[in-house]
PDB file of all heavy atoms in Angstrom:
ATOM      1  N   ARG A   1     -36.355  30.090 108.676  1.00  0.00           N
ATOM      2  CA  ARG A   1     -36.403  29.553 110.036  1.00  0.00           C
ATOM      3  C   ARG A   1     -36.972  28.140 110.056  1.00  0.00           C
ATOM      4  O   ARG A   1     -36.401  27.227 110.661  1.00  0.00           O
ATOM      5  CB  ARG A   1     -37.252  30.480 110.912  1.00  0.00           C
ATOM      6  CG  ARG A   1     -37.246  30.135 112.401  1.00  0.00           C
ATOM      7  CD  ARG A   1     -38.231  31.019 113.169  1.00  0.00           C
ATOM      8  NE  ARG A   1     -38.067  30.887 114.598  1.00  0.00           N
ATOM      9  CZ  ARG A   1     -37.455  31.750 115.383  1.00  0.00           C
ATOM     10  NH1 ARG A   1     -36.912  32.844 114.843  1.00  0.00           N
ATOM     11  NH2 ARG A   1     -37.351  31.557 116.685  1.00  0.00           N
ATOM     12  N   GLN A   2     -38.104  27.948 109.363  1.00  0.00           N
ATOM     13  CA  GLN A   2     -38.737  26.638 109.396  1.00  0.00           C
ATOM     14  C   GLN A   2     -37.929  25.597 108.621  1.00  0.00           C
ATOM     15  O   GLN A   2     -37.915  24.418 108.977  1.00  0.00           O
ATOM     16  CB  GLN A   2     -40.159  26.715 108.850  1.00  0.00           C
ATOM     17  CG  GLN A   2     -40.974  25.449 109.068  1.00  0.00           C
ATOM     18  CD  GLN A   2     -41.080  25.070 110.545  1.00  0.00           C
ATOM     19  OE1 GLN A   2     -41.177  25.944 111.407  1.00  0.00           O
ATOM     20  NE2 GLN A   2     -41.019  23.774 110.840  1.00  0.00           N
ATOM     21  N   THR A   3     -37.224  26.028 107.585  1.00  0.00           N
ATOM     22  CA  THR A   3     -36.374  25.097 106.834  1.00  0.00           C
ATOM     23  C   THR A   3     -35.234  24.583 107.710  1.00  0.00           C
ATOM     24  O   THR A   3     -34.943  23.380 107.744  1.00  0.00           O
ATOM     25  CB  THR A   3     -35.810  25.778 105.574  1.00  0.00           C
ATOM     26  OG1 THR A   3     -36.909  26.113 104.717  1.00  0.00           O
ATOM     27  CG2 THR A   3     -34.848  24.863 104.839  1.00  0.00           C
ATOM     28  N   VAL A   4     -34.582  25.498 108.444  1.00  0.00           N
ATOM     29  CA  VAL A   4     -33.494  25.086 109.339  1.00  0.00           C
ATOM     30  C   VAL A   4     -34.037  24.183 110.450  1.00  0.00           C
ATOM     31  O   VAL A   4     -33.453  23.139 110.762  1.00  0.00           O
ATOM     32  CB  VAL A   4     -32.784  26.322 109.924  1.00  0.00           C
ATOM     33  CG1 VAL A   4     -31.816  25.917 111.022  1.00  0.00           C
ATOM     34  CG2 VAL A   4     -32.037  27.070 108.825  1.00  0.00           C
ATOM     35  N   CYS A   5     -35.165  24.569 111.038  1.00  0.00           N
ATOM     36  CA  CYS A   5     -35.745  23.760 112.120  1.00  0.00           C
ATOM     37  C   CYS A   5     -36.175  22.385 111.602  1.00  0.00           C
ATOM     38  O   CYS A   5     -35.909  21.354 112.234  1.00  0.00           O
ATOM     39  CB  CYS A   5     -36.948  24.471 112.721  1.00  0.00           C
ATOM     40  SG  CYS A   5     -36.566  25.980 113.630  1.00  0.00           S
ATOM     41  N   GLY A   6     -36.846  22.356 110.459  1.00  0.00           N
ATOM     42  CA  GLY A   6     -37.340  21.092 109.922  1.00  0.00           C
ATOM     43  C   GLY A   6     -36.215  20.163 109.503  1.00  0.00           C
ATOM     44  O   GLY A   6     -36.257  18.952 109.767  1.00  0.00           O
ATOM     45  N   ALA A   7     -35.195  20.721 108.849  1.00  0.00           N
ATOM     46  CA  ALA A   7     -34.059  19.894 108.440  1.00  0.00           C
ATOM     47  C   ALA A   7     -33.321  19.351 109.653  1.00  0.00           C
ATOM     48  O   ALA A   7     -32.881  18.188 109.667  1.00  0.00           O
ATOM     49  CB  ALA A   7     -33.120  20.718 107.560  1.00  0.00           C
ATOM     50  N   GLY A   8     -33.200  20.188 110.688  1.00  0.00           N
ATOM     51  CA  GLY A   8     -32.550  19.722 111.910  1.00  0.00           C
ATOM     52  C   GLY A   8     -33.325  18.595 112.570  1.00  0.00           C
ATOM     53  O   GLY A   8     -32.736  17.623 113.044  1.00  0.00           O
ATOM     54  N   GLU A   9     -34.639  18.713 112.603  1.00  0.00           N
ATOM     55  CA  GLU A   9     -35.453  17.665 113.203  1.00  0.00           C
ATOM     56  C   GLU A   9     -35.377  16.372 112.401  1.00  0.00           C
ATOM     57  O   GLU A   9     -35.313  15.275 112.971  1.00  0.00           O
ATOM     58  CB  GLU A   9     -36.910  18.137 113.321  1.00  0.00           C
ATOM     59  CG  GLU A   9     -37.819  17.180 114.063  1.00  0.00           C
ATOM     60  CD  GLU A   9     -37.441  17.003 115.530  1.00  0.00           C
ATOM     61  OE1 GLU A   9     -36.791  17.907 116.100  1.00  0.00           O
ATOM     62  OE2 GLU A   9     -37.800  15.957 116.111  1.00  0.00           O
ATOM     63  N   LEU A  10     -35.372  16.487 111.079  1.00  0.00           N
ATOM     64  CA  LEU A  10     -35.226  15.303 110.238  1.00  0.00           C
ATOM     65  C   LEU A  10     -33.882  14.627 110.477  1.00  0.00           C
ATOM     66  O   LEU A  10     -33.801  13.396 110.605  1.00  0.00           O
ATOM     67  CB  LEU A  10     -35.372  15.684 108.759  1.00  0.00           C
ATOM     68  CG  LEU A  10     -35.191  14.561 107.729  1.00  0.00           C
ATOM     69  CD1 LEU A  10     -36.190  13.429 107.979  1.00  0.00           C
ATOM     70  CD2 LEU A  10     -35.334  15.109 106.314  1.00  0.00           C
ATOM     71  N   LEU A  11     -32.831  15.411 110.565  1.00  0.00           N
ATOM     72  CA  LEU A  11     -31.506  14.868 110.849  1.00  0.00           C
ATOM     73  C   LEU A  11     -31.480  14.199 112.214  1.00  0.00           C
ATOM     74  O   LEU A  11     -30.862  13.150 112.394  1.00  0.00           O
ATOM     75  CB  LEU A  11     -30.467  15.996 110.791  1.00  0.00           C
ATOM     76  CG  LEU A  11     -28.997  15.614 110.971  1.00  0.00           C
ATOM     77  CD1 LEU A  11     -28.541  14.670 109.878  1.00  0.00           C
ATOM     78  CD2 LEU A  11     -28.128  16.874 110.986  1.00  0.00           C
ATOM     79  N   TYR A  12     -32.177  14.796 113.185  1.00  0.00           N
ATOM     80  CA  TYR A  12     -32.228  14.245 114.542  1.00  0.00           C
ATOM     81  C   TYR A  12     -32.946  12.901 114.576  1.00  0.00           C
ATOM     82  O   TYR A  12     -32.500  11.954 115.227  1.00  0.00           O
ATOM     83  CB  TYR A  12     -32.935  15.242 115.460  1.00  0.00           C
ATOM     84  CG  TYR A  12     -33.076  14.788 116.892  1.00  0.00           C
ATOM     85  CD1 TYR A  12     -31.986  14.801 117.756  1.00  0.00           C
ATOM     86  CD2 TYR A  12     -34.304  14.360 117.390  1.00  0.00           C
ATOM     87  CE1 TYR A  12     -32.108  14.393 119.078  1.00  0.00           C
ATOM     88  CE2 TYR A  12     -34.436  13.955 118.710  1.00  0.00           C
ATOM     89  CZ  TYR A  12     -33.339  13.971 119.543  1.00  0.00           C
ATOM     90  OH  TYR A  12     -33.474  13.561 120.849  1.00  0.00           O
ATOM     91  N   GLN A  13     -34.045  12.807 113.852  1.00  0.00           N
ATOM     92  CA  GLN A  13     -34.864  11.595 113.916  1.00  0.00           C
ATOM     93  C   GLN A  13     -34.388  10.488 112.983  1.00  0.00           C
ATOM     94  O   GLN A  13     -34.683   9.309 113.214  1.00  0.00           O
ATOM     95  CB  GLN A  13     -36.328  11.930 113.593  1.00  0.00           C
ATOM     96  CG  GLN A  13     -36.997  12.816 114.614  1.00  0.00           C
ATOM     97  CD  GLN A  13     -38.498  12.924 114.406  1.00  0.00           C
ATOM     98  OE1 GLN A  13     -39.128  12.041 113.818  1.00  0.00           O
ATOM     99  NE2 GLN A  13     -39.087  14.007 114.891  1.00  0.00           N
ATOM    100  N   SER A  14     -33.667  10.841 111.935  1.00  0.00           N
ATOM    101  CA  SER A  14     -33.267   9.853 110.938  1.00  0.00           C
ATOM    102  C   SER A  14     -32.003   9.109 111.363  1.00  0.00           C
ATOM    103  O   SER A  14     -31.128   9.661 112.026  1.00  0.00           O
ATOM    104  CB  SER A  14     -33.019  10.542 109.597  1.00  0.00           C
ATOM    105  OG  SER A  14     -32.570   9.610 108.632  1.00  0.00           O
ATOM    106  N   SER A  15     -31.901   7.861 110.951  1.00  0.00           N
ATOM    107  CA  SER A  15     -30.683   7.082 111.174  1.00  0.00           C
ATOM    108  C   SER A  15     -29.698   7.235 110.010  1.00  0.00           C
ATOM    109  O   SER A  15     -28.595   6.692 110.056  1.00  0.00           O
ATOM    110  CB  SER A  15     -31.035   5.601 111.347  1.00  0.00           C
ATOM    111  OG  SER A  15     -31.672   5.099 110.177  1.00  0.00           O
ATOM    112  N   LEU A  16     -30.098   7.964 108.981  1.00  0.00           N
ATOM    113  CA  LEU A  16     -29.256   8.138 107.803  1.00  0.00           C
ATOM    114  C   LEU A  16     -28.169   9.184 108.050  1.00  0.00           C
ATOM    115  O   LEU A  16     -28.343  10.115 108.849  1.00  0.00           O
ATOM    116  CB  LEU A  16     -30.107   8.565 106.606  1.00  0.00           C
ATOM    117  CG  LEU A  16     -31.197   7.584 106.162  1.00  0.00           C
ATOM    118  CD1 LEU A  16     -32.028   8.198 105.046  1.00  0.00           C
ATOM    119  CD2 LEU A  16     -30.587   6.255 105.712  1.00  0.00           C
ATOM    120  N   GLU A  17     -27.053   9.027 107.345  1.00  0.00           N
ATOM    121  CA  GLU A  17     -25.991  10.019 107.413  1.00  0.00           C
ATOM    122  C   GLU A  17     -26.466  11.334 106.796  1.00  0.00           C
ATOM    123  O   GLU A  17     -27.349  11.352 105.929  1.00  0.00           O
ATOM    124  CB  GLU A  17     -24.753   9.524 106.660  1.00  0.00           C
ATOM    125  CG  GLU A  17     -24.112   8.279 107.236  1.00  0.00           C
ATOM    126  CD  GLU A  17     -23.431   8.549 108.566  1.00  0.00           C
ATOM    127  OE1 GLU A  17     -23.012   9.704 108.800  1.00  0.00           O
ATOM    128  OE2 GLU A  17     -23.326   7.605 109.374  1.00  0.00           O
ATOM    129  N   ALA A  18     -25.852  12.438 107.238  1.00  0.00           N
ATOM    130  CA  ALA A  18     -26.207  13.742 106.677  1.00  0.00           C
ATOM    131  C   ALA A  18     -25.997  13.759 105.170  1.00  0.00           C
ATOM    132  O   ALA A  18     -26.794  14.353 104.420  1.00  0.00           O
ATOM    133  CB  ALA A  18     -25.381  14.838 107.351  1.00  0.00           C
ATOM    134  N   SER A  19     -24.929  13.132 104.703  1.00  0.00           N
ATOM    135  CA  SER A  19     -24.659  13.106 103.265  1.00  0.00           C
ATOM    136  C   SER A  19     -25.772  12.396 102.497  1.00  0.00           C
ATOM    137  O   SER A  19     -26.150  12.814 101.393  1.00  0.00           O
ATOM    138  CB  SER A  19     -23.315  12.425 102.995  1.00  0.00           C
ATOM    139  OG  SER A  19     -23.315  11.096 103.494  1.00  0.00           O
ATOM    140  N   THR A  20     -26.329  11.326 103.081  1.00  0.00           N
ATOM    141  CA  THR A  20     -27.421  10.592 102.424  1.00  0.00           C
ATOM    142  C   THR A  20     -28.686  11.441 102.384  1.00  0.00           C
ATOM    143  O   THR A  20     -29.398  11.477 101.365  1.00  0.00           O
ATOM    144  CB  THR A  20     -27.697   9.269 103.154  1.00  0.00           C
ATOM    145  OG1 THR A  20     -26.505   8.483 103.156  1.00  0.00           O
ATOM    146  CG2 THR A  20     -28.816   8.484 102.466  1.00  0.00           C
ATOM    147  N   LEU A  21     -28.984  12.129 103.480  1.00  0.00           N
ATOM    148  CA  LEU A  21     -30.151  13.008 103.493  1.00  0.00           C
ATOM    149  C   LEU A  21     -30.001  14.111 102.448  1.00  0.00           C
ATOM    150  O   LEU A  21     -30.979  14.484 101.783  1.00  0.00           O
ATOM    151  CB  LEU A  21     -30.331  13.603 104.881  1.00  0.00           C
ATOM    152  CG  LEU A  21     -30.737  12.616 105.989  1.00  0.00           C
ATOM    153  CD1 LEU A  21     -30.698  13.294 107.352  1.00  0.00           C
ATOM    154  CD2 LEU A  21     -32.124  12.039 105.730  1.00  0.00           C
ATOM    155  N   ARG A  22     -28.784  14.637 102.327  1.00  0.00           N
ATOM    156  CA  ARG A  22     -28.545  15.654 101.298  1.00  0.00           C
ATOM    157  C   ARG A  22     -28.806  15.086  99.909  1.00  0.00           C
ATOM    158  O   ARG A  22     -29.487  15.715  99.072  1.00  0.00           O
ATOM    159  CB  ARG A  22     -27.109  16.173 101.390  1.00  0.00           C
ATOM    160  CG  ARG A  22     -26.682  17.033 100.193  1.00  0.00           C
ATOM    161  CD  ARG A  22     -25.256  17.529 100.308  1.00  0.00           C
ATOM    162  NE  ARG A  22     -24.290  16.485 100.530  1.00  0.00           N
ATOM    163  CZ  ARG A  22     -23.830  15.641  99.585  1.00  0.00           C
ATOM    164  NH1 ARG A  22     -24.305  15.717  98.337  1.00  0.00           N
ATOM    165  NH2 ARG A  22     -22.916  14.737  99.880  1.00  0.00           N
ATOM    166  N   GLU A  23     -28.269  13.895  99.653  1.00  0.00           N
ATOM    167  CA  GLU A  23     -28.447  13.270  98.340  1.00  0.00           C
ATOM    168  C   GLU A  23     -29.917  12.988  98.044  1.00  0.00           C
ATOM    169  O   GLU A  23     -30.353  13.086  96.882  1.00  0.00           O
ATOM    170  CB  GLU A  23     -27.638  11.977  98.276  1.00  0.00           C
ATOM    171  CG  GLU A  23     -26.134  12.211  98.268  1.00  0.00           C
ATOM    172  CD  GLU A  23     -25.334  10.949  98.573  1.00  0.00           C
ATOM    173  OE1 GLU A  23     -25.954   9.898  98.817  1.00  0.00           O
ATOM    174  OE2 GLU A  23     -24.088  11.041  98.573  1.00  0.00           O
ATOM    175  N   ASN A  24     -30.684  12.672  99.093  1.00  0.00           N
ATOM    176  CA  ASN A  24     -32.095  12.373  98.890  1.00  0.00           C
ATOM    177  C   ASN A  24     -32.895  13.593  98.437  1.00  0.00           C
ATOM    178  O   ASN A  24     -33.968  13.456  97.850  1.00  0.00           O
ATOM    179  CB  ASN A  24     -32.712  11.817 100.179  1.00  0.00           C
ATOM    180  CG  ASN A  24     -32.230  10.418 100.507  1.00  0.00           C
ATOM    181  OD1 ASN A  24     -31.646   9.738  99.667  1.00  0.00           O
ATOM    182  ND2 ASN A  24     -32.468   9.976 101.728  1.00  0.00           N
ATOM    183  N   VAL A  25     -32.388  14.789  98.744  1.00  0.00           N
ATOM    184  CA  VAL A  25     -33.064  16.022  98.340  1.00  0.00           C
ATOM    185  C   VAL A  25     -32.625  16.470  96.945  1.00  0.00           C
ATOM    186  O   VAL A  25     -33.275  17.296  96.318  1.00  0.00           O
ATOM    187  CB  VAL A  25     -32.761  17.154  99.357  1.00  0.00           C
ATOM    188  CG1 VAL A  25     -33.516  18.427  99.018  1.00  0.00           C
ATOM    189  CG2 VAL A  25     -33.097  16.722 100.767  1.00  0.00           C
ATOM    190  N   THR A  26     -31.514  15.924  96.457  1.00  0.00           N
ATOM    191  CA  THR A  26     -30.838  16.455  95.278  1.00  0.00           C
ATOM    192  C   THR A  26     -31.121  15.604  94.048  1.00  0.00           C
ATOM    193  O   THR A  26     -30.610  14.482  93.905  1.00  0.00           O
ATOM    194  CB  THR A  26     -29.321  16.514  95.519  1.00  0.00           C
ATOM    195  OG1 THR A  26     -29.069  17.180  96.759  1.00  0.00           O
ATOM    196  CG2 THR A  26     -28.631  17.269  94.388  1.00  0.00           C
ATOM    197  N   SER A  27     -31.932  16.127  93.147  1.00  0.00           N
ATOM    198  CA  SER A  27     -32.177  15.467  91.858  1.00  0.00           C
ATOM    199  C   SER A  27     -31.112  15.907  90.864  1.00  0.00           C
ATOM    200  O   SER A  27     -30.776  17.100  90.807  1.00  0.00           O
ATOM    201  CB  SER A  27     -33.560  15.845  91.318  1.00  0.00           C
ATOM    202  OG  SER A  27     -34.574  15.470  92.225  1.00  0.00           O
ATOM    203  N   PRO A  28     -30.555  14.988  90.088  1.00  0.00           N
ATOM    204  CA  PRO A  28     -29.533  15.364  89.098  1.00  0.00           C
ATOM    205  C   PRO A  28     -30.057  16.443  88.148  1.00  0.00           C
ATOM    206  O   PRO A  28     -31.135  16.328  87.579  1.00  0.00           O
ATOM    207  CB  PRO A  28     -29.275  14.045  88.355  1.00  0.00           C
ATOM    208  CG  PRO A  28     -29.673  12.980  89.332  1.00  0.00           C
ATOM    209  CD  PRO A  28     -30.826  13.551  90.096  1.00  0.00           C
ATOM    210  N   GLY A  29     -29.284  17.489  88.023  1.00  0.00           N
ATOM    211  CA  GLY A  29     -29.658  18.565  87.119  1.00  0.00           C
ATOM    212  C   GLY A  29     -30.763  19.461  87.617  1.00  0.00           C
ATOM    213  O   GLY A  29     -31.224  20.352  86.885  1.00  0.00           O
ATOM    214  N   GLY A  30     -31.185  19.290  88.871  1.00  0.00           N
ATOM    215  CA  GLY A  30     -32.292  20.072  89.402  1.00  0.00           C
ATOM    216  C   GLY A  30     -31.858  21.339  90.117  1.00  0.00           C
ATOM    217  O   GLY A  30     -30.675  21.726  90.105  1.00  0.00           O
ATOM    218  N   THR A  31     -32.822  21.969  90.795  1.00  0.00           N
ATOM    219  CA  THR A  31     -32.545  23.247  91.461  1.00  0.00           C
ATOM    220  C   THR A  31     -31.583  23.089  92.634  1.00  0.00           C
ATOM    221  O   THR A  31     -30.699  23.928  92.849  1.00  0.00           O
ATOM    222  CB  THR A  31     -33.858  23.868  91.963  1.00  0.00           C
ATOM    223  OG1 THR A  31     -34.497  22.954  92.869  1.00  0.00           O
ATOM    224  CG2 THR A  31     -34.810  24.150  90.793  1.00  0.00           C
ATOM    225  N   THR A  32     -31.760  22.007  93.412  1.00  0.00           N
ATOM    226  CA  THR A  32     -30.874  21.795  94.561  1.00  0.00           C
ATOM    227  C   THR A  32     -29.449  21.548  94.101  1.00  0.00           C
ATOM    228  O   THR A  32     -28.485  22.050  94.696  1.00  0.00           O
ATOM    229  CB  THR A  32     -31.376  20.614  95.408  1.00  0.00           C
ATOM    230  OG1 THR A  32     -32.744  20.829  95.755  1.00  0.00           O
ATOM    231  CG2 THR A  32     -30.555  20.462  96.676  1.00  0.00           C
ATOM    232  N   ALA A  33     -29.319  20.778  93.025  1.00  0.00           N
ATOM    233  CA  ALA A  33     -27.980  20.509  92.487  1.00  0.00           C
ATOM    234  C   ALA A  33     -27.305  21.801  92.048  1.00  0.00           C
ATOM    235  O   ALA A  33     -26.097  21.983  92.250  1.00  0.00           O
ATOM    236  CB  ALA A  33     -28.080  19.524  91.322  1.00  0.00           C
ATOM    237  N   ALA A  34     -28.082  22.716  91.459  1.00  0.00           N
ATOM    238  CA  ALA A  34     -27.510  23.987  91.023  1.00  0.00           C
ATOM    239  C   ALA A  34     -26.978  24.774  92.216  1.00  0.00           C
ATOM    240  O   ALA A  34     -25.894  25.379  92.150  1.00  0.00           O
ATOM    241  CB  ALA A  34     -28.569  24.799  90.276  1.00  0.00           C
ATOM    242  N   ALA A  35     -27.730  24.774  93.310  1.00  0.00           N
ATOM    243  CA  ALA A  35     -27.288  25.481  94.503  1.00  0.00           C
ATOM    244  C   ALA A  35     -26.067  24.808  95.134  1.00  0.00           C
ATOM    245  O   ALA A  35     -25.116  25.474  95.554  1.00  0.00           O
ATOM    246  CB  ALA A  35     -28.428  25.561  95.512  1.00  0.00           C
ATOM    247  N   LEU A  36     -26.079  23.472  95.178  1.00  0.00           N
ATOM    248  CA  LEU A  36     -24.968  22.752  95.796  1.00  0.00           C
ATOM    249  C   LEU A  36     -23.680  22.875  94.990  1.00  0.00           C
ATOM    250  O   LEU A  36     -22.583  22.763  95.553  1.00  0.00           O
ATOM    251  CB  LEU A  36     -25.339  21.282  95.988  1.00  0.00           C
ATOM    252  CG  LEU A  36     -26.381  21.007  97.086  1.00  0.00           C
ATOM    253  CD1 LEU A  36     -26.752  19.534  97.116  1.00  0.00           C
ATOM    254  CD2 LEU A  36     -25.863  21.448  98.457  1.00  0.00           C
ATOM    255  N   ASN A  37     -23.800  23.113  93.687  1.00  0.00           N
ATOM    256  CA  ASN A  37     -22.598  23.347  92.890  1.00  0.00           C
ATOM    257  C   ASN A  37     -21.841  24.567  93.402  1.00  0.00           C
ATOM    258  O   ASN A  37     -20.617  24.640  93.319  1.00  0.00           O
ATOM    259  CB  ASN A  37     -22.964  23.547  91.408  1.00  0.00           C
ATOM    260  CG  ASN A  37     -23.304  22.245  90.721  1.00  0.00           C
ATOM    261  OD1 ASN A  37     -22.915  21.167  91.180  1.00  0.00           O
ATOM    262  ND2 ASN A  37     -24.045  22.337  89.624  1.00  0.00           N
ATOM    263  N   VAL A  38     -22.585  25.525  93.966  1.00  0.00           N
ATOM    264  CA  VAL A  38     -21.960  26.706  94.565  1.00  0.00           C
ATOM    265  C   VAL A  38     -21.449  26.384  95.963  1.00  0.00           C
ATOM    266  O   VAL A  38     -20.287  26.646  96.303  1.00  0.00           O
ATOM    267  CB  VAL A  38     -22.962  27.877  94.613  1.00  0.00           C
ATOM    268  CG1 VAL A  38     -22.325  29.082  95.309  1.00  0.00           C
ATOM    269  CG2 VAL A  38     -23.427  28.239  93.213  1.00  0.00           C
ATOM    270  N   LEU A  39     -22.317  25.782  96.799  1.00  0.00           N
ATOM    271  CA  LEU A  39     -21.963  25.529  98.196  1.00  0.00           C
ATOM    272  C   LEU A  39     -20.856  24.496  98.345  1.00  0.00           C
ATOM    273  O   LEU A  39     -20.110  24.515  99.334  1.00  0.00           O
ATOM    274  CB  LEU A  39     -23.192  25.057  98.971  1.00  0.00           C
ATOM    275  CG  LEU A  39     -24.276  26.110  99.222  1.00  0.00           C
ATOM    276  CD1 LEU A  39     -25.503  25.472  99.858  1.00  0.00           C
ATOM    277  CD2 LEU A  39     -23.750  27.245 100.099  1.00  0.00           C
ATOM    278  N   MET A  40     -20.742  23.580  97.394  1.00  0.00           N
ATOM    279  CA  MET A  40     -19.755  22.507  97.491  1.00  0.00           C
ATOM    280  C   MET A  40     -18.586  22.714  96.534  1.00  0.00           C
ATOM    281  O   MET A  40     -17.803  21.794  96.277  1.00  0.00           O
ATOM    282  CB  MET A  40     -20.415  21.154  97.242  1.00  0.00           C
ATOM    283  CG  MET A  40     -21.511  20.825  98.242  1.00  0.00           C
ATOM    284  SD  MET A  40     -22.392  19.274  97.918  1.00  0.00           S
ATOM    285  CE  MET A  40     -21.087  18.076  98.313  1.00  0.00           C
ATOM    286  N   GLY A  41     -18.444  23.932  96.016  1.00  0.00           N
ATOM    287  CA  GLY A  41     -17.337  24.243  95.126  1.00  0.00           C
ATOM    288  C   GLY A  41     -16.011  24.312  95.866  1.00  0.00           C
ATOM    289  O   GLY A  41     -15.933  24.088  97.087  1.00  0.00           O
ATOM    290  N   GLY A  42     -14.960  24.649  95.147  1.00  0.00           N
ATOM    291  CA  GLY A  42     -13.618  24.649  95.721  1.00  0.00           C
ATOM    292  C   GLY A  42     -13.472  25.496  96.968  1.00  0.00           C
ATOM    293  O   GLY A  42     -12.751  25.137  97.900  1.00  0.00           O
TER     294      GLY A  42
END
């Protein structure tokens, strides 16, 4: 719940595109990248 609320608030307040905010959380070869490989697959 707090992750969805917090991410939404960050998206609301930031002038950055959603794709940029996503990239800012994603370290190459890290845990987020592993999850996004599933979510952004074919």
